[in-house]
Amino acid sequence: MKTLLITQDFPPQGGGMQEYYLNICLNLPPEEIVVTVPKVEGYQEADKKLPFKVYRAPFPIRKAKIFTYNLIWLLQLIWIIRKERISTVQCGVILPIGYLSLILKWITRTKYVIYFHGKDILVAREKAVRSRFKKRLLDRIISRSSRLIVNSKYTLRILDGLNVHRDKCEVIYPGVELGFFRRISVSPEIIKRYNLENKRIILFVGRLIKRKGVDNVLLALPKVIEKIPNLKYLIVGKGDDEIRLRKIVEDVGLDRYVDFLGYISREDLLHVYNTSDVFVMASREVKSQSTIEGFGIVYLEANACGVPVVGGRSGGIPEAVIDGETGLLVDSDNIEEISQAILRILKDEHFARELGEKGRQRAEAEFSWDKITKRVHSVLEEL
């Protein structure tokens, strides 16, 4: 059995989906997986370190019109399937890769599996509502697929809008890289570099986009600072919302308490997780952008390091965070609720340790990539 993963989300790009697909591929037998993905900056060095074959599309996606790009990519995919003797295609996202997978099935007789993460379904449903032709095409892509792998029970529920037969679906949660994300002693150099000495630390890791709810956490900070004046809020990541978030920091007078760290090294990230008192990501649905959190791997990363978490009560987050056991869930739009959840964890050290310990135990018991990928491998072997 040899499968081809077609995706637009893969390292060296950063992000949850990129890590998801990388770890799936790393835990499959290297002789059974081939990947094809668009070119991005730094891909040559990243691909050299991988134990499996990676074919990059002929040119970056932004260098050509989308029709031309997909046509050339399709021809390359046909060549790869025949050269590598691929039996099954793993489709990283329904749009636009689902179109390619359907055409490949017609031409090469390969079966295909589609992954779903949450936002991709909302985008597909919106397109189906706008165009009868696109709805028929989406129905065809799904009906001709062999299996559908969804990242949470929530994602499975919203798939109903695309007329999916549930017996074709398999709920497989994302995993966490337990060999890396773990408890460690924090380096004094890290404490000094990020000015964290004698600080109580709130951490966010992710793309700076509206969905992640960093704005409401910032608005909740003044009430937290009243009780805990030695607070530091570390924001790791970059994104389109950064300018607006920096303006909120300035307007609310939080300059002393908030540090935008941008992208940091993986080693620094591990230390920053371990020096944090609480991880907070109050994600919410943003209907105007057809986006929602389908699960949230970063909650597992924090828990694997023994850190309690606060998450938004939305999307698939309640499956990543067990309320009252591995963290606390809040109404993402309720500033008071966010501040009270943070204060509860920061002021009650016993409760915080209990949440972090249960989170670590759950991550180790249920979310190793080895266990997750075995389930994916089982789905592929059944085909």
Protein backbone atom coordinates (compact mmCIF):
# COMPACT_ATOMS: atom_id res chain seq x y z
CA MET A 1 0.00 0.00 0.00
CA LYS A 2 1.37 3.41 -0.97
CA THR A 3 -0.51 6.66 -0.45
CA LEU A 4 -0.08 10.22 -1.69
CA LEU A 5 -0.90 13.16 0.59
CA ILE A 6 -1.89 16.26 -1.39
CA THR A 7 -1.98 19.35 0.77
CA GLN A 8 -1.34 23.09 0.78
CA ASP A 9 -0.42 23.02 4.50
CA PHE A 10 2.99 21.56 5.29
CA PRO A 11 6.28 22.66 6.89
CA PRO A 12 8.30 24.79 6.72
CA GLN A 13 5.07 26.79 6.96
CA GLY A 14 3.93 27.08 10.57
CA GLY A 15 0.49 26.25 11.93
CA GLY A 16 -1.66 23.53 13.43
CA MET A 17 -2.64 21.86 10.16
CA GLN A 18 0.97 21.89 8.99
CA GLU A 19 2.05 20.11 12.19
CA TYR A 20 -0.90 17.73 11.88
CA TYR A 21 0.08 16.49 8.42
CA LEU A 22 3.79 16.40 9.21
CA ASN A 23 3.26 14.17 12.25
CA ILE A 24 0.85 11.87 10.41
CA CYS A 25 3.48 11.36 7.72
CA LEU A 26 6.36 10.94 10.18
CA ASN A 27 4.51 8.14 11.96
CA LEU A 28 3.47 6.24 8.83
CA PRO A 29 5.99 3.76 7.35
CA PRO A 30 8.20 6.03 5.15
CA GLU A 31 7.96 3.62 2.21
CA GLU A 32 4.15 3.95 2.28
CA ILE A 33 3.78 7.75 2.11
CA VAL A 34 4.57 10.35 -0.54
CA VAL A 35 3.69 14.06 -0.18
CA THR A 36 3.05 16.74 -2.76
CA VAL A 37 2.72 20.37 -1.68
CA PRO A 38 3.34 23.86 -3.14
CA LYS A 39 6.76 25.49 -2.92
CA VAL A 40 7.35 27.91 -0.05
CA GLU A 41 10.41 29.74 1.20
CA GLY A 42 12.95 27.41 2.80
CA TYR A 43 11.40 24.19 1.51
CA GLN A 44 14.65 22.69 0.20
CA GLU A 45 16.32 22.46 3.61
CA ALA A 46 13.12 21.31 5.33
CA ASP A 47 12.47 18.52 2.83
CA LYS A 48 16.01 17.14 3.13
CA LYS A 49 15.39 16.24 6.78
CA LEU A 50 12.29 14.14 6.07
CA PRO A 51 12.41 10.32 5.78
CA PHE A 52 9.78 10.20 3.01
CA LYS A 53 9.56 11.66 -0.49
CA VAL A 54 8.19 15.17 -0.99
CA TYR A 55 7.34 16.49 -4.45
CA ARG A 56 6.90 20.24 -4.62
CA ALA A 57 4.52 21.74 -7.16
CA PRO A 58 6.32 23.30 -10.14
CA PHE A 59 6.06 26.88 -8.83
CA PRO A 60 4.62 28.78 -5.85
CA ILE A 61 0.85 29.13 -5.97
CA ARG A 62 1.00 32.94 -6.02
CA LYS A 63 3.12 32.92 -9.18
CA ALA A 64 0.33 31.78 -11.50
CA LYS A 65 -3.37 32.10 -12.10
CA ILE A 66 -5.23 29.48 -10.12
CA PHE A 67 -6.56 27.60 -13.18
CA THR A 68 -3.10 27.39 -14.76
CA TYR A 69 -1.55 26.36 -11.46
CA ASN A 70 -4.07 23.58 -10.81
CA LEU A 71 -3.78 22.26 -14.37
CA ILE A 72 0.01 21.99 -14.14
CA TRP A 73 -0.24 20.51 -10.64
CA LEU A 74 -2.78 17.95 -11.91
CA LEU A 75 -0.40 16.81 -14.64
CA GLN A 76 2.38 16.48 -12.08
CA LEU A 77 0.09 14.48 -9.77
CA ILE A 78 -0.79 12.03 -12.54
CA TRP A 79 2.94 11.55 -13.19
CA ILE A 80 3.66 11.02 -9.44
CA ILE A 81 0.82 8.50 -9.05
CA ARG A 82 2.08 6.43 -11.95
CA LYS A 83 5.76 6.75 -11.03
CA GLU A 84 5.25 5.89 -7.33
CA ARG A 85 2.44 3.37 -7.97
CA ILE A 86 0.06 5.15 -5.62
CA SER A 87 -3.10 3.29 -4.64
CA THR A 88 -4.79 5.90 -2.42
CA VAL A 89 -4.77 9.70 -2.28
CA GLN A 90 -5.05 11.56 1.03
CA CYS A 91 -6.82 14.85 0.30
CA GLY A 92 -5.67 17.53 2.74
CA VAL A 93 -8.66 19.84 2.26
CA ILE A 94 -11.86 19.61 0.23
CA LEU A 95 -11.31 22.91 -1.61
CA PRO A 96 -9.50 23.03 -3.97
CA ILE A 97 -7.72 19.68 -3.54
CA GLY A 98 -10.96 17.73 -3.55
CA TYR A 99 -11.45 18.77 -7.19
CA LEU A 100 -8.03 17.37 -8.05
CA SER A 101 -8.67 14.14 -6.12
CA LEU A 102 -11.96 13.57 -7.97
CA ILE A 103 -10.29 14.06 -11.36
CA LEU A 104 -7.41 11.79 -10.34
CA LYS A 105 -9.93 9.08 -9.43
CA TRP A 106 -11.40 9.28 -12.93
CA ILE A 107 -8.01 9.25 -14.66
CA THR A 108 -5.85 6.98 -12.48
CA ARG A 109 -8.51 4.93 -10.62
CA THR A 110 -7.02 5.86 -7.26
CA LYS A 111 -9.27 5.94 -4.22
CA TYR A 112 -9.17 9.04 -2.01
CA VAL A 113 -9.71 9.99 1.62
CA ILE A 114 -10.61 13.56 2.66
CA TYR A 115 -9.53 15.23 5.91
CA PHE A 116 -11.80 17.81 7.57
CA HIS A 117 -10.76 20.34 10.23
CA GLY A 118 -13.68 22.74 10.76
CA LYS A 119 -13.09 25.98 8.87
CA ASP A 120 -12.82 24.11 5.58
CA ILE A 121 -16.38 22.81 6.01
CA LEU A 122 -17.79 26.28 6.71
CA VAL A 123 -16.08 27.63 3.57
CA ALA A 124 -17.38 24.71 1.48
CA ARG A 125 -20.92 25.13 2.82
CA GLU A 126 -20.84 28.84 2.01
CA LYS A 127 -19.80 28.13 -1.57
CA ALA A 128 -22.50 25.45 -1.88
CA VAL A 129 -25.16 27.94 -0.78
CA ARG A 130 -24.03 30.51 -3.34
CA SER A 131 -23.83 28.19 -6.35
CA ARG A 132 -25.99 25.21 -7.29
CA PHE A 133 -23.21 23.96 -9.58
CA LYS A 134 -20.63 24.07 -6.76
CA LYS A 135 -23.05 22.28 -4.45
CA ARG A 136 -23.45 19.44 -6.96
CA LEU A 137 -19.69 19.30 -7.43
CA LEU A 138 -19.06 19.19 -3.67
CA ASP A 139 -21.65 16.44 -3.29
CA ARG A 140 -19.88 14.50 -6.02
CA ILE A 141 -16.45 14.94 -4.41
CA ILE A 142 -17.76 13.66 -1.08
CA SER A 143 -19.89 10.83 -2.49
CA ARG A 144 -16.98 9.47 -4.58
CA SER A 145 -14.54 9.55 -1.64
CA SER A 146 -13.76 6.29 0.13
CA ARG A 147 -13.53 7.65 3.67
CA LEU A 148 -13.71 10.99 5.52
CA ILE A 149 -11.41 11.67 8.48
CA VAL A 150 -12.67 14.43 10.81
CA ASN A 151 -10.72 16.00 13.68
CA SER A 152 -13.56 16.14 16.25
CA LYS A 153 -17.15 15.16 16.91
CA TYR A 154 -18.05 18.82 16.46
CA THR A 155 -16.54 18.81 12.97
CA LEU A 156 -18.56 15.68 12.21
CA ARG A 157 -21.76 17.48 13.23
CA ILE A 158 -21.17 20.45 10.95
CA LEU A 159 -20.40 18.09 8.07
CA ASP A 160 -24.13 17.35 7.99
CA GLY A 161 -24.61 20.48 5.90
CA LEU A 162 -22.77 18.74 3.06
CA ASN A 163 -25.03 15.67 2.96
CA VAL A 164 -22.44 13.24 4.28
CA HIS A 165 -23.13 9.57 5.04
CA ARG A 166 -21.86 9.19 8.60
CA ASP A 167 -20.88 5.55 8.14
CA LYS A 168 -18.14 6.83 5.83
CA CYS A 169 -16.72 9.12 8.55
CA GLU A 170 -14.00 8.40 11.09
CA VAL A 171 -13.40 10.80 14.01
CA ILE A 172 -9.65 10.87 14.67
CA TYR A 173 -8.40 13.60 17.01
CA PRO A 174 -5.11 15.37 16.36
CA GLY A 175 -2.16 14.32 18.48
CA VAL A 176 0.68 16.01 20.33
CA GLU A 177 4.41 15.41 19.96
CA LEU A 178 5.00 13.95 23.42
CA GLY A 179 8.70 13.36 22.82
CA PHE A 180 9.13 17.12 22.54
CA PHE A 181 6.31 18.76 24.52
CA ARG A 182 7.02 17.65 28.08
CA ARG A 183 7.93 18.95 31.50
CA ILE A 184 11.47 20.36 31.71
CA SER A 185 13.48 22.63 33.99
CA VAL A 186 13.32 26.12 32.52
CA SER A 187 16.66 27.60 31.48
CA PRO A 188 17.70 30.73 33.42
CA GLU A 189 18.80 32.12 30.07
CA ILE A 190 15.19 31.96 28.82
CA ILE A 191 13.95 33.72 31.98
CA LYS A 192 16.48 36.49 31.39
CA ARG A 193 15.97 36.72 27.62
CA TYR A 194 12.22 37.23 27.90
CA ASN A 195 12.33 39.20 31.17
CA LEU A 196 10.21 36.69 33.10
CA GLU A 197 11.82 36.78 36.53
CA ASN A 198 9.23 36.93 39.34
CA LYS A 199 6.38 37.08 36.81
CA ARG A 200 3.07 35.23 36.67
CA ILE A 201 2.81 34.25 33.03
CA ILE A 202 -0.17 33.89 30.70
CA LEU A 203 0.74 32.35 27.34
CA PHE A 204 -0.80 32.34 23.88
CA VAL A 205 0.64 30.41 20.93
CA GLY A 206 -0.91 30.58 17.47
CA ARG A 207 -1.69 32.73 14.46
CA LEU A 208 -2.79 36.26 15.27
CA ILE A 209 -6.20 36.18 13.64
CA LYS A 210 -9.56 37.32 14.95
CA ARG A 211 -10.82 33.79 15.60
CA LYS A 212 -8.20 33.14 18.28
CA GLY A 213 -9.76 35.65 20.72
CA VAL A 214 -6.55 37.40 21.79
CA ASP A 215 -8.42 40.74 21.71
CA ASN A 216 -10.85 39.67 24.43
CA VAL A 217 -8.06 38.27 26.58
CA LEU A 218 -6.32 41.67 26.35
CA LEU A 219 -9.54 43.39 27.43
CA ALA A 220 -9.80 40.96 30.36
CA LEU A 221 -6.28 41.68 31.62
CA PRO A 222 -6.94 44.90 33.64
CA LYS A 223 -9.13 42.99 36.12
CA VAL A 224 -6.49 40.28 36.41
CA ILE A 225 -3.74 42.86 36.94
CA GLU A 226 -5.69 44.42 39.81
CA LYS A 227 -5.23 41.16 41.76
CA ILE A 228 -1.91 40.04 40.23
CA PRO A 229 0.23 43.07 39.35
CA ASN A 230 3.35 41.04 38.43
CA LEU A 231 1.56 39.65 35.35
CA LYS A 232 3.13 39.05 31.95
CA TYR A 233 1.12 38.04 28.87
CA LEU A 234 3.32 36.40 26.21
CA ILE A 235 1.93 36.26 22.67
CA VAL A 236 3.82 33.85 20.42
CA GLY A 237 3.04 33.99 16.69
CA LYS A 238 2.25 36.45 13.96
CA GLY A 239 -0.71 37.19 11.74
CA ASP A 240 -2.99 39.70 10.06
CA ASP A 241 -4.57 40.83 13.34
CA GLU A 242 -1.33 41.94 14.99
CA ILE A 243 -1.67 45.65 14.19
CA ARG A 244 -5.17 45.78 15.71
CA LEU A 245 -4.05 43.84 18.78
CA ARG A 246 -1.09 46.18 19.34
CA LYS A 247 -3.51 49.11 19.16
CA ILE A 248 -5.65 47.50 21.90
CA VAL A 249 -2.54 47.11 24.07
CA GLU A 250 -1.74 50.80 23.58
CA ASP A 251 -5.32 51.99 24.16
CA VAL A 252 -5.81 49.93 27.33
CA GLY A 253 -2.36 50.81 28.69
CA LEU A 254 -0.95 47.29 28.77
CA ASP A 255 2.51 47.96 27.33
CA ARG A 256 4.26 46.85 30.54
CA TYR A 257 2.31 43.61 30.71
CA VAL A 258 2.16 42.31 27.12
CA ASP A 259 5.02 41.10 24.93
CA PHE A 260 4.57 40.15 21.27
CA LEU A 261 7.31 37.57 20.71
CA GLY A 262 6.55 36.78 17.06
CA TYR A 263 7.94 33.45 15.89
CA ILE A 264 10.41 31.83 18.28
CA SER A 265 12.48 28.66 17.99
CA ARG A 266 10.95 25.33 18.98
CA GLU A 267 13.43 25.00 21.83
CA ASP A 268 12.47 28.43 23.18
CA LEU A 269 8.80 27.53 22.76
CA LEU A 270 9.22 24.45 24.94
CA HIS A 271 10.84 26.55 27.68
CA VAL A 272 8.17 29.25 27.40
CA TYR A 273 5.42 26.65 27.78
CA ASN A 274 7.12 25.31 30.90
CA THR A 275 7.59 28.71 32.50
CA SER A 276 3.89 29.61 31.99
CA ASP A 277 1.27 29.52 34.73
CA VAL A 278 -1.68 29.24 32.36
CA PHE A 279 -2.23 28.91 28.61
CA VAL A 280 -5.17 30.93 27.27
CA MET A 281 -6.76 30.78 23.82
CA ALA A 282 -10.35 32.03 23.89
CA SER A 283 -11.20 31.05 20.32
CA ARG A 284 -14.66 31.76 18.91
CA GLU A 285 -16.57 31.37 15.68
CA VAL A 286 -16.24 34.31 13.29
CA LYS A 287 -19.21 33.91 10.97
CA SER A 288 -18.22 36.79 8.70
CA GLN A 289 -14.99 34.92 7.90
CA SER A 290 -16.50 31.38 7.92
CA THR A 291 -13.97 30.26 10.51
CA ILE A 292 -14.01 28.28 13.75
CA GLU A 293 -11.67 26.18 15.90
CA GLY A 294 -12.25 22.55 14.95
CA PHE A 295 -10.12 21.23 17.85
CA GLY A 296 -6.94 23.05 18.97
CA ILE A 297 -3.61 21.17 19.15
CA VAL A 298 -2.00 23.94 21.23
CA TYR A 299 -4.18 23.03 24.23
CA LEU A 300 -2.64 19.55 24.12
CA GLU A 301 0.87 21.00 23.82
CA ALA A 302 0.33 23.09 26.95
CA ASN A 303 -1.24 20.18 28.84
CA ALA A 304 1.63 17.88 27.82
CA CYS A 305 3.94 20.36 29.57
CA GLY A 306 1.75 20.21 32.68
CA VAL A 307 0.24 23.67 32.09
CA PRO A 308 -3.48 24.31 32.81
CA VAL A 309 -5.45 25.90 29.98
CA VAL A 310 -8.36 28.25 29.38
CA GLY A 311 -10.28 27.73 26.13
CA GLY A 312 -13.31 29.16 24.42
CA ARG A 313 -16.53 27.18 24.73
CA SER A 314 -16.89 26.92 20.96
CA GLY A 315 -16.32 24.56 18.04
CA GLY A 316 -14.39 21.42 18.94
CA ILE A 317 -12.52 22.99 21.88
CA PRO A 318 -14.64 21.19 24.53
CA GLU A 319 -13.18 17.96 23.15
CA ALA A 320 -9.61 19.27 23.49
CA VAL A 321 -10.20 20.79 26.95
CA ILE A 322 -12.16 18.90 29.60
CA ASP A 323 -13.82 21.67 31.62
CA GLY A 324 -12.79 21.52 35.27
CA GLU A 325 -10.35 18.65 34.69
CA THR A 326 -7.63 19.72 32.23
CA GLY A 327 -8.59 23.38 32.06
CA LEU A 328 -11.50 25.80 32.11
CA LEU A 329 -13.92 26.68 29.32
CA VAL A 330 -15.33 30.19 28.98
CA ASP A 331 -17.71 32.18 26.82
CA SER A 332 -15.18 33.67 24.40
CA ASP A 333 -17.12 36.95 24.16
CA ASN A 334 -17.58 37.37 27.93
CA ILE A 335 -14.68 39.50 29.18
CA GLU A 336 -15.66 39.02 32.83
CA GLU A 337 -15.76 35.23 32.47
CA ILE A 338 -12.33 35.18 30.83
CA SER A 339 -10.77 37.29 33.59
CA GLN A 340 -12.36 35.20 36.36
CA ALA A 341 -11.15 31.93 34.81
CA ILE A 342 -7.58 33.26 34.58
CA LEU A 343 -7.73 34.56 38.16
CA ARG A 344 -9.08 31.28 39.48
CA ILE A 345 -6.11 29.39 38.08
CA LEU A 346 -3.49 31.98 39.03
CA LYS A 347 -4.76 32.40 42.61
CA ASP A 348 -5.34 28.71 43.42
CA GLU A 349 -2.01 26.92 42.99
CA HIS A 350 -3.38 23.54 44.09
CA PHE A 351 -6.22 23.73 41.55
CA ALA A 352 -3.79 24.83 38.84
CA ARG A 353 -1.42 21.92 39.55
CA GLU A 354 -4.33 19.49 39.50
CA LEU A 355 -5.53 20.75 36.11
CA GLY A 356 -2.03 20.64 34.67
CA GLU A 357 -1.37 17.13 35.98
CA LYS A 358 -4.65 15.72 34.68
CA GLY A 359 -4.01 17.45 31.36
CA ARG A 360 -0.56 15.88 31.13
CA GLN A 361 -1.92 12.42 31.97
CA ARG A 362 -4.68 12.72 29.38
CA ALA A 363 -2.25 13.91 26.68
CA GLU A 364 0.07 10.98 27.34
CA ALA A 365 -2.74 8.42 27.52
CA GLU A 366 -4.81 9.48 24.52
CA PHE A 367 -2.97 11.81 22.16
CA SER A 368 0.42 10.41 21.18
CA TRP A 369 0.97 10.72 17.43
CA ASP A 370 1.86 7.03 17.36
CA LYS A 371 -1.65 6.10 18.55
CA ILE A 372 -3.35 8.68 16.32
CA THR A 373 -1.46 7.60 13.20
CA LYS A 374 -2.20 3.92 13.83
CA ARG A 375 -5.88 4.78 13.45
CA VAL A 376 -5.19 6.69 10.22
CA HIS A 377 -3.09 3.78 8.95
CA SER A 378 -5.92 1.38 9.77
CA VAL A 379 -8.36 3.48 7.70
CA LEU A 380 -5.94 3.52 4.76
CA GLU A 381 -5.30 -0.24 4.98
CA GLU A 382 -9.02 -0.99 4.91
CA LEU A 383 -9.16 0.54 1.44
